[in-house]
PDB file of N, CA and C in Angstrom:
ATOM      1  N   MET A   1      -4.908  -1.777 -11.357  1.00  0.00           N
ATOM      2  CA  MET A   1      -3.789  -1.567 -10.325  1.00  0.00           C
ATOM      3  C   MET A   1      -4.667  -1.231  -9.324  1.00  0.00           C
ATOM      4  N   SER A   2      -4.404  -2.002  -8.192  1.00  0.00           N
ATOM      5  CA  SER A   2      -5.039  -1.558  -6.841  1.00  0.00           C
ATOM      6  C   SER A   2      -4.205  -0.337  -6.156  1.00  0.00           C
ATOM      7  N   PHE A   3      -5.037   0.289  -5.318  1.00  0.00           N
ATOM      8  CA  PHE A   3      -4.239   1.172  -4.558  1.00  0.00           C
ATOM      9  C   PHE A   3      -3.853   0.728  -3.060  1.00  0.00           C
ATOM     10  N   LYS A   4      -2.610   0.928  -2.775  1.00  0.00           N
ATOM     11  CA  LYS A   4      -2.067   0.606  -1.445  1.00  0.00           C
ATOM     12  C   LYS A   4      -1.753   1.849  -0.717  1.00  0.00           C
ATOM     13  N   SER A   5      -1.368   1.576   0.614  1.00  0.00           N
ATOM     14  CA  SER A   5      -1.065   2.787   1.236  1.00  0.00           C
ATOM     15  C   SER A   5       0.274   3.014   1.251  1.00  0.00           C
ATOM     16  N   ARG A   6       0.548   4.405   1.434  1.00  0.00           N
ATOM     17  CA  ARG A   6       1.905   4.708   1.161  1.00  0.00           C
ATOM     18  C   ARG A   6       2.937   3.909   1.723  1.00  0.00           C
ATOM     19  N   GLU A   7       2.752   3.532   3.247  1.00  0.00           N
ATOM     20  CA  GLU A   7       3.665   2.790   3.900  1.00  0.00           C
ATOM     21  C   GLU A   7       3.919   1.404   3.078  1.00  0.00           C
ATOM     22  N   GLU A   8       2.675   0.802   2.496  1.00  0.00           N
ATOM     23  CA  GLU A   8       3.063  -0.266   2.094  1.00  0.00           C
ATOM     24  C   GLU A   8       3.825  -0.390   0.680  1.00  0.00           C
ATOM     25  N   ILE A   9       3.254   0.944  -0.151  1.00  0.00           N
ATOM     26  CA  ILE A   9       4.087   1.099  -1.347  1.00  0.00           C
ATOM     27  C   ILE A   9       5.742   1.140  -1.002  1.00  0.00           C
ATOM     28  N   LEU A  10       6.066   1.823  -0.094  1.00  0.00           N
ATOM     29  CA  LEU A  10       7.420   2.240   0.264  1.00  0.00           C
ATOM     30  C   LEU A  10       8.018   0.837   1.038  1.00  0.00           C
ATOM     31  N   LEU A  11       7.293   0.050   1.689  1.00  0.00           N
ATOM     32  CA  LEU A  11       7.976  -1.192   2.118  1.00  0.00           C
ATOM     33  C   LEU A  11       8.060  -1.884   0.759  1.00  0.00           C
ATOM     34  N   THR A  12       7.363  -2.157  -0.136  1.00  0.00           N
ATOM     35  CA  THR A  12       7.694  -3.070  -1.324  1.00  0.00           C
ATOM     36  C   THR A  12       8.700  -2.377  -2.225  1.00  0.00           C
ATOM     37  N   PHE A  13       9.037  -1.221  -2.078  1.00  0.00           N
ATOM     38  CA  PHE A  13       9.750  -0.577  -2.976  1.00  0.00           C
ATOM     39  C   PHE A  13      11.222  -0.933  -2.453  1.00  0.00           C
ATOM     40  N   CYS A  14      11.042  -0.605  -1.226  1.00  0.00           N
ATOM     41  CA  CYS A  14      12.532  -0.717  -0.511  1.00  0.00           C
ATOM     42  C   CYS A  14      13.115  -2.216  -0.503  1.00  0.00           C
ATOM     43  N   THR A  15      12.045  -3.084  -0.321  1.00  0.00           N
ATOM     44  CA  THR A  15      12.133  -4.592  -0.271  1.00  0.00           C
ATOM     45  C   THR A  15      12.486  -5.197  -1.484  1.00  0.00           C
ATOM     46  N   GLU A  16      12.213  -4.631  -2.718  1.00  0.00           N
ATOM     47  CA  GLU A  16      12.505  -4.717  -4.147  1.00  0.00           C
ATOM     48  C   GLU A  16      13.872  -4.483  -4.278  1.00  0.00           C
ATOM     49  N   LYS A  17      14.356  -3.104  -3.967  1.00  0.00           N
ATOM     50  CA  LYS A  17      15.440  -2.480  -4.216  1.00  0.00           C
ATOM     51  C   LYS A  17      16.673  -3.371  -3.409  1.00  0.00           C
ATOM     52  N   MET A  18      16.186  -3.919  -2.171  1.00  0.00           N
ATOM     53  CA  MET A  18      17.574  -4.598  -1.471  1.00  0.00           C
ATOM     54  C   MET A  18      17.424  -6.042  -2.041  1.00  0.00           C
ATOM     55  N   THR A  19      16.414  -6.473  -2.500  1.00  0.00           N
ATOM     56  CA  THR A  19      16.705  -7.873  -2.848  1.00  0.00           C
ATOM     57  C   THR A  19      17.045  -7.845  -4.551  1.00  0.00           C
ATOM     58  N   GLY A  20      16.617  -6.757  -5.098  1.00  0.00           N
ATOM     59  CA  GLY A  20      17.062  -6.727  -6.575  1.00  0.00           C
ATOM     60  C   GLY A  20      18.263  -6.206  -6.716  1.00  0.00           C
TER      61      GLY A  20
END
């Protein structure tokens, strides 16, 4: 598991929540 910046993680999390 590669480390991402907090902003990138939050962006991915929000995107998955909105699309999921």
